[in-house]
Structure formats: structure tokens, C-alpha cells
Amino acid sequence: MENKQIIGLLVQNHPGVLLRVTSLVTRRGFNIDSLTVSPAGFEGYSRMTVRLSGDDNQVEQFINQMLKIVDVKKAEVLPEDTSVAMELLLVKVSSDRDNKNDIIAVTSAYHASLVNLGEHSLTFRASGTPAQIDTLITELSTYGILEMARTGIAALANGDTTLTK
């Protein structure tokens, strides 16, 4: 069964690591939905968070292939039920005098903040789980999304579990 899984990678922070990871993804035909890279919190390492579409065998193969890259120190699945996963969304919605309050009501249900008010548009910032962001986008699409940008997923395991060297 195909599903979406989040994978955390701990990689050495060297030039070309992202290229090696993405080249392997391309060669092996994996379908990446989201890729986020940031400092890991300790010197010399970065953290990659990947949202991958595929069945359990494909996810296992992805992890095994990643671990063959010398600069990849750890790779593990971060199950959504035992992880904290969040995304940031900036979205510009078409609005007029008649629907402005309706749009604000929809976005307030998702704790989105109005960050810019145009003559014919409203721009919001929202953060939440990937499912919450997807639902917000679906609801706002009825008003007309003019433009949007998503950051990709940032995820950490719940509790004391860490992805460390």
C-alpha cells in the first residue's frame, strides 16, 4: 500500500551532500513530496527531513540507499503518530468586500495570521501539520488562491528520542 512517510536524515555538512542525496533519489526513481534541510544543532551536521511517497518496501529501500552515502550518518522513519511534524504556508487569496470576512473566518479556524492586506487580496501565514495545511488550502481554493509557498516539513520524534550522531 502506498502512503506518505517522513524520514529524518542526519548528514555531514559538506559541499555536495545535497547533490549526492538528490542524485540518488533521481537514479532510483523515488518520489519526494517534500525536502527540508537545516542545521542539525551541532557543528558540522545538517538535518534533512524528507516526505516520501511509496510503500513500506520503497521506504526501506530509500533508507538503505541513503545509508550507503558516506556523508549520511543516520536515516530513520519518523512515524506521524510518534513525531511532531509541522509546515509553514504563505498563501495569497483573492478577496473582495463581500467575502473578506468569510475568508478571515476560515483562516482563523486554522490559527492563520493575516500578514498583508491588498486591495483585492489577503495574504496569510499558517503553520500546522501537513494534513492541516492541505485542508486549509482546499478550503481557501474556493475563494481563489492567487499564490502560495510551502516550506516543506520539519519533523522531530516525540519524547526523548533524537536523531544524533
C-alpha atoms as a PDB file:
ATOM      1  CA  MET A   1       0.000   0.000   0.000  1.00  0.00           C
ATOM      2  CA  GLU A   2       1.376   3.414  -0.986  1.00  0.00           C
ATOM      3  CA  ASN A   3       1.490   6.055   1.710  1.00  0.00           C
ATOM      4  CA  LYS A   4       3.497   9.087   2.707  1.00  0.00           C
ATOM      5  CA  GLN A   5       6.212   8.699   5.287  1.00  0.00           C
ATOM      6  CA  ILE A   6       8.557  11.181   6.892  1.00  0.00           C
ATOM      7  CA  ILE A   7      12.247  10.291   7.061  1.00  0.00           C
ATOM      8  CA  GLY A   8      14.864  12.115   9.090  1.00  0.00           C
ATOM      9  CA  LEU A   9      18.453  12.157   7.813  1.00  0.00           C
ATOM     10  CA  LEU A  10      21.487  13.321   9.744  1.00  0.00           C
ATOM     11  CA  VAL A  11      24.207  14.303   7.279  1.00  0.00           C
ATOM     12  CA  GLN A  12      27.650  15.824   7.473  1.00  0.00           C
ATOM     13  CA  ASN A  13      27.568  19.437   6.399  1.00  0.00           C
ATOM     14  CA  HIS A  14      29.879  19.305   3.377  1.00  0.00           C
ATOM     15  CA  PRO A  15      29.525  20.850  -0.078  1.00  0.00           C
ATOM     16  CA  GLY A  16      27.802  18.448  -2.457  1.00  0.00           C
ATOM     17  CA  VAL A  17      25.892  16.339   0.091  1.00  0.00           C
ATOM     18  CA  LEU A  18      22.505  17.582  -1.078  1.00  0.00           C
ATOM     19  CA  LEU A  19      23.518  16.861  -4.674  1.00  0.00           C
ATOM     20  CA  ARG A  20      24.539  13.290  -3.766  1.00  0.00           C
ATOM     21  CA  VAL A  21      21.249  12.699  -1.964  1.00  0.00           C
ATOM     22  CA  THR A  22      19.104  14.135  -4.764  1.00  0.00           C
ATOM     23  CA  SER A  23      21.110  12.299  -7.428  1.00  0.00           C
ATOM     24  CA  LEU A  24      20.449   9.002  -5.679  1.00  0.00           C
ATOM     25  CA  VAL A  25      16.745   9.884  -5.422  1.00  0.00           C
ATOM     26  CA  THR A  26      16.651  10.589  -9.158  1.00  0.00           C
ATOM     27  CA  ARG A  27      18.574   7.448 -10.157  1.00  0.00           C
ATOM     28  CA  ARG A  28      16.385   5.184  -8.026  1.00  0.00           C
ATOM     29  CA  GLY A  29      13.107   6.816  -9.070  1.00  0.00           C
ATOM     30  CA  PHE A  30      11.863   7.759  -5.600  1.00  0.00           C
ATOM     31  CA  ASN A  31       9.014  10.255  -5.385  1.00  0.00           C
ATOM     32  CA  ILE A  32       9.852  13.025  -2.902  1.00  0.00           C
ATOM     33  CA  ASP A  33       6.926  15.205  -1.787  1.00  0.00           C
ATOM     34  CA  SER A  34       8.957  17.474   0.488  1.00  0.00           C
ATOM     35  CA  LEU A  35      12.625  18.031   1.272  1.00  0.00           C
ATOM     36  CA  THR A  36      13.802  20.397   4.002  1.00  0.00           C
ATOM     37  CA  VAL A  37      17.404  20.975   5.050  1.00  0.00           C
ATOM     38  CA  SER A  38      18.592  22.882   8.111  1.00  0.00           C
ATOM     39  CA  PRO A  39      21.455  22.951  10.622  1.00  0.00           C
ATOM     40  CA  ALA A  40      21.217  19.989  12.995  1.00  0.00           C
ATOM     41  CA  GLY A  41      22.042  21.955  16.116  1.00  0.00           C
ATOM     42  CA  PHE A  42      25.606  20.753  16.492  1.00  0.00           C
ATOM     43  CA  GLU A  43      28.600  21.763  14.429  1.00  0.00           C
ATOM     44  CA  GLY A  44      29.385  20.024  11.166  1.00  0.00           C
ATOM     45  CA  TYR A  45      25.968  18.392  10.658  1.00  0.00           C
ATOM     46  CA  SER A  46      22.721  19.165   8.894  1.00  0.00           C
ATOM     47  CA  ARG A  47      19.321  17.600   9.194  1.00  0.00           C
ATOM     48  CA  MET A  48      17.265  16.649   6.164  1.00  0.00           C
ATOM     49  CA  THR A  49      13.585  15.910   6.535  1.00  0.00           C
ATOM     50  CA  VAL A  50      12.092  14.049   3.582  1.00  0.00           C
ATOM     51  CA  ARG A  51       8.444  13.218   2.940  1.00  0.00           C
ATOM     52  CA  LEU A  52       8.411  10.232   0.625  1.00  0.00           C
ATOM     53  CA  SER A  53       5.515   8.637  -1.258  1.00  0.00           C
ATOM     54  CA  GLY A  54       5.754   4.888  -1.509  1.00  0.00           C
ATOM     55  CA  ASP A  55       5.022   1.567   0.102  1.00  0.00           C
ATOM     56  CA  ASP A  56       6.951   0.142   3.060  1.00  0.00           C
ATOM     57  CA  ASN A  57       9.429  -1.648   0.783  1.00  0.00           C
ATOM     58  CA  GLN A  58      10.235   1.558  -1.110  1.00  0.00           C
ATOM     59  CA  VAL A  59      10.745   3.463   2.144  1.00  0.00           C
ATOM     60  CA  GLU A  60      13.055   0.730   3.460  1.00  0.00           C
ATOM     61  CA  GLN A  61      14.977   0.764   0.168  1.00  0.00           C
ATOM     62  CA  PHE A  62      15.253   4.577   0.362  1.00  0.00           C
ATOM     63  CA  ILE A  63      16.747   4.396   3.859  1.00  0.00           C
ATOM     64  CA  ASN A  64      19.169   1.627   2.861  1.00  0.00           C
ATOM     65  CA  GLN A  65      20.308   3.620  -0.181  1.00  0.00           C
ATOM     66  CA  MET A  66      20.768   6.791   1.896  1.00  0.00           C
ATOM     67  CA  LEU A  67      22.950   4.945   4.402  1.00  0.00           C
ATOM     68  CA  LYS A  68      25.295   3.955   1.552  1.00  0.00           C
ATOM     69  CA  ILE A  69      26.193   7.638   1.089  1.00  0.00           C
ATOM     70  CA  VAL A  70      29.312   8.284   3.186  1.00  0.00           C
ATOM     71  CA  ASP A  71      28.084  11.681   4.444  1.00  0.00           C
ATOM     72  CA  VAL A  72      24.737  10.289   5.667  1.00  0.00           C
ATOM     73  CA  LYS A  73      25.223   9.284   9.305  1.00  0.00           C
ATOM     74  CA  LYS A  74      21.649   8.315  10.239  1.00  0.00           C
ATOM     75  CA  ALA A  75      18.368   7.740   8.440  1.00  0.00           C
ATOM     76  CA  GLU A  76      15.143   6.748  10.105  1.00  0.00           C
ATOM     77  CA  VAL A  77      11.390   6.863   9.624  1.00  0.00           C
ATOM     78  CA  LEU A  78       9.601   9.410  11.793  1.00  0.00           C
ATOM     79  CA  PRO A  79       6.078   7.947  12.100  1.00  0.00           C
ATOM     80  CA  GLU A  80       3.427  10.673  12.117  1.00  0.00           C
ATOM     81  CA  ASP A  81       1.769   9.237  15.233  1.00  0.00           C
ATOM     82  CA  THR A  82       5.018   9.403  17.254  1.00  0.00           C
ATOM     83  CA  SER A  83       6.513  12.580  15.800  1.00  0.00           C
ATOM     84  CA  VAL A  84       5.931  16.297  15.683  1.00  0.00           C
ATOM     85  CA  ALA A  85       5.669  17.387  12.051  1.00  0.00           C
ATOM     86  CA  MET A  86       4.906  20.955  11.004  1.00  0.00           C
ATOM     87  CA  GLU A  87       4.884  23.076   7.859  1.00  0.00           C
ATOM     88  CA  LEU A  88       4.655  26.796   7.180  1.00  0.00           C
ATOM     89  CA  LEU A  89       2.360  28.178   4.477  1.00  0.00           C
ATOM     90  CA  LEU A  90       2.162  31.639   2.960  1.00  0.00           C
ATOM     91  CA  VAL A  91      -0.979  31.992   0.856  1.00  0.00           C
ATOM     92  CA  LYS A  92      -2.460  34.924  -1.069  1.00  0.00           C
ATOM     93  CA  VAL A  93      -6.219  34.662  -1.610  1.00  0.00           C
ATOM     94  CA  SER A  94      -8.388  36.698  -3.943  1.00  0.00           C
ATOM     95  CA  SER A  95     -10.874  38.771  -1.965  1.00  0.00           C
ATOM     96  CA  ASP A  96     -13.447  41.491  -2.327  1.00  0.00           C
ATOM     97  CA  ARG A  97     -15.627  43.469   0.039  1.00  0.00           C
ATOM     98  CA  ASP A  98     -18.235  40.678   0.139  1.00  0.00           C
ATOM     99  CA  ASN A  99     -16.036  37.690   1.028  1.00  0.00           C
ATOM    100  CA  LYS A 100     -13.253  39.238   3.129  1.00  0.00           C
ATOM    101  CA  ASN A 101     -14.892  38.342   6.470  1.00  0.00           C
ATOM    102  CA  ASP A 102     -15.677  34.802   5.271  1.00  0.00           C
ATOM    103  CA  ILE A 103     -12.035  34.228   4.309  1.00  0.00           C
ATOM    104  CA  ILE A 104     -10.819  35.580   7.642  1.00  0.00           C
ATOM    105  CA  ALA A 105     -13.267  33.270   9.452  1.00  0.00           C
ATOM    106  CA  VAL A 106     -11.925  30.232   7.543  1.00  0.00           C
ATOM    107  CA  THR A 107      -8.305  31.098   8.260  1.00  0.00           C
ATOM    108  CA  SER A 108      -8.903  31.876  11.929  1.00  0.00           C
ATOM    109  CA  ALA A 109     -10.128  28.296  12.425  1.00  0.00           C
ATOM    110  CA  TYR A 110      -6.567  27.257  11.462  1.00  0.00           C
ATOM    111  CA  HIS A 111      -4.920  29.971  13.592  1.00  0.00           C
ATOM    112  CA  ALA A 112      -3.599  31.610  10.425  1.00  0.00           C
ATOM    113  CA  SER A 113      -2.383  35.208  10.703  1.00  0.00           C
ATOM    114  CA  LEU A 114      -3.203  37.949   8.240  1.00  0.00           C
ATOM    115  CA  VAL A 115       0.196  39.313   7.174  1.00  0.00           C
ATOM    116  CA  ASN A 116      -0.754  41.545   4.245  1.00  0.00           C
ATOM    117  CA  LEU A 117      -3.911  43.251   3.085  1.00  0.00           C
ATOM    118  CA  GLY A 118      -4.125  44.165  -0.586  1.00  0.00           C
ATOM    119  CA  GLU A 119      -6.883  45.947  -2.435  1.00  0.00           C
ATOM    120  CA  HIS A 120      -8.092  42.665  -3.954  1.00  0.00           C
ATOM    121  CA  SER A 121      -6.216  40.051  -1.913  1.00  0.00           C
ATOM    122  CA  LEU A 122      -5.422  38.819   1.578  1.00  0.00           C
ATOM    123  CA  THR A 123      -2.126  37.127   2.459  1.00  0.00           C
ATOM    124  CA  PHE A 124      -1.964  34.719   5.394  1.00  0.00           C
ATOM    125  CA  ARG A 125       0.712  32.815   7.280  1.00  0.00           C
ATOM    126  CA  ALA A 126      -0.275  29.440   8.722  1.00  0.00           C
ATOM    127  CA  SER A 127       1.612  26.626  10.376  1.00  0.00           C
ATOM    128  CA  GLY A 128       0.407  23.155  11.178  1.00  0.00           C
ATOM    129  CA  THR A 129       0.639  19.511  10.327  1.00  0.00           C
ATOM    130  CA  PRO A 130       0.793  18.628   6.633  1.00  0.00           C
ATOM    131  CA  ALA A 131      -2.843  17.434   6.825  1.00  0.00           C
ATOM    132  CA  GLN A 132      -3.972  20.718   8.390  1.00  0.00           C
ATOM    133  CA  ILE A 133      -2.151  22.735   5.720  1.00  0.00           C
ATOM    134  CA  ASP A 134      -3.674  20.572   2.954  1.00  0.00           C
ATOM    135  CA  THR A 135      -7.168  21.100   4.389  1.00  0.00           C
ATOM    136  CA  LEU A 136      -6.679  24.861   4.697  1.00  0.00           C
ATOM    137  CA  ILE A 137      -5.536  25.047   1.067  1.00  0.00           C
ATOM    138  CA  THR A 138      -8.603  23.067  -0.026  1.00  0.00           C
ATOM    139  CA  GLU A 139     -10.930  25.430   1.858  1.00  0.00           C
ATOM    140  CA  LEU A 140      -9.222  28.567   0.536  1.00  0.00           C
ATOM    141  CA  SER A 141      -9.219  27.298  -3.061  1.00  0.00           C
ATOM    142  CA  THR A 142     -12.960  28.039  -3.272  1.00  0.00           C
ATOM    143  CA  TYR A 143     -12.107  31.760  -2.950  1.00  0.00           C
ATOM    144  CA  GLY A 144      -9.263  31.617  -5.461  1.00  0.00           C
ATOM    145  CA  ILE A 145      -5.648  31.138  -4.429  1.00  0.00           C
ATOM    146  CA  LEU A 146      -3.515  33.660  -6.290  1.00  0.00           C
ATOM    147  CA  GLU A 147      -0.166  32.464  -4.987  1.00  0.00           C
ATOM    148  CA  MET A 148       1.264  30.231  -2.276  1.00  0.00           C
ATOM    149  CA  ALA A 149       4.549  28.942  -0.898  1.00  0.00           C
ATOM    150  CA  ARG A 150       5.066  25.987   1.450  1.00  0.00           C
ATOM    151  CA  THR A 151       8.259  25.428   3.410  1.00  0.00           C
ATOM    152  CA  GLY A 152       8.247  21.653   3.472  1.00  0.00           C
ATOM    153  CA  ILE A 153       8.057  19.517   6.572  1.00  0.00           C
ATOM    154  CA  ALA A 154      10.160  19.926   9.675  1.00  0.00           C
ATOM    155  CA  ALA A 155       9.798  16.901  11.959  1.00  0.00           C
ATOM    156  CA  LEU A 156      11.210  15.574  15.224  1.00  0.00           C
ATOM    157  CA  ALA A 157      10.463  12.386  17.125  1.00  0.00           C
ATOM    158  CA  ASN A 158       8.274  12.745  20.232  1.00  0.00           C
ATOM    159  CA  GLY A 159       9.741  12.423  23.718  1.00  0.00           C
ATOM    160  CA  ASP A 160      13.438  11.924  24.368  1.00  0.00           C
ATOM    161  CA  THR A 161      14.258  10.159  21.073  1.00  0.00           C
ATOM    162  CA  THR A 162      16.736  12.137  18.944  1.00  0.00           C
ATOM    163  CA  LEU A 163      18.457  11.842  15.613  1.00  0.00           C
ATOM    164  CA  THR A 164      22.027  12.429  16.737  1.00  0.00           C
ATOM    165  CA  LYS A 165      25.483  11.355  15.672  1.00  0.00           C
END
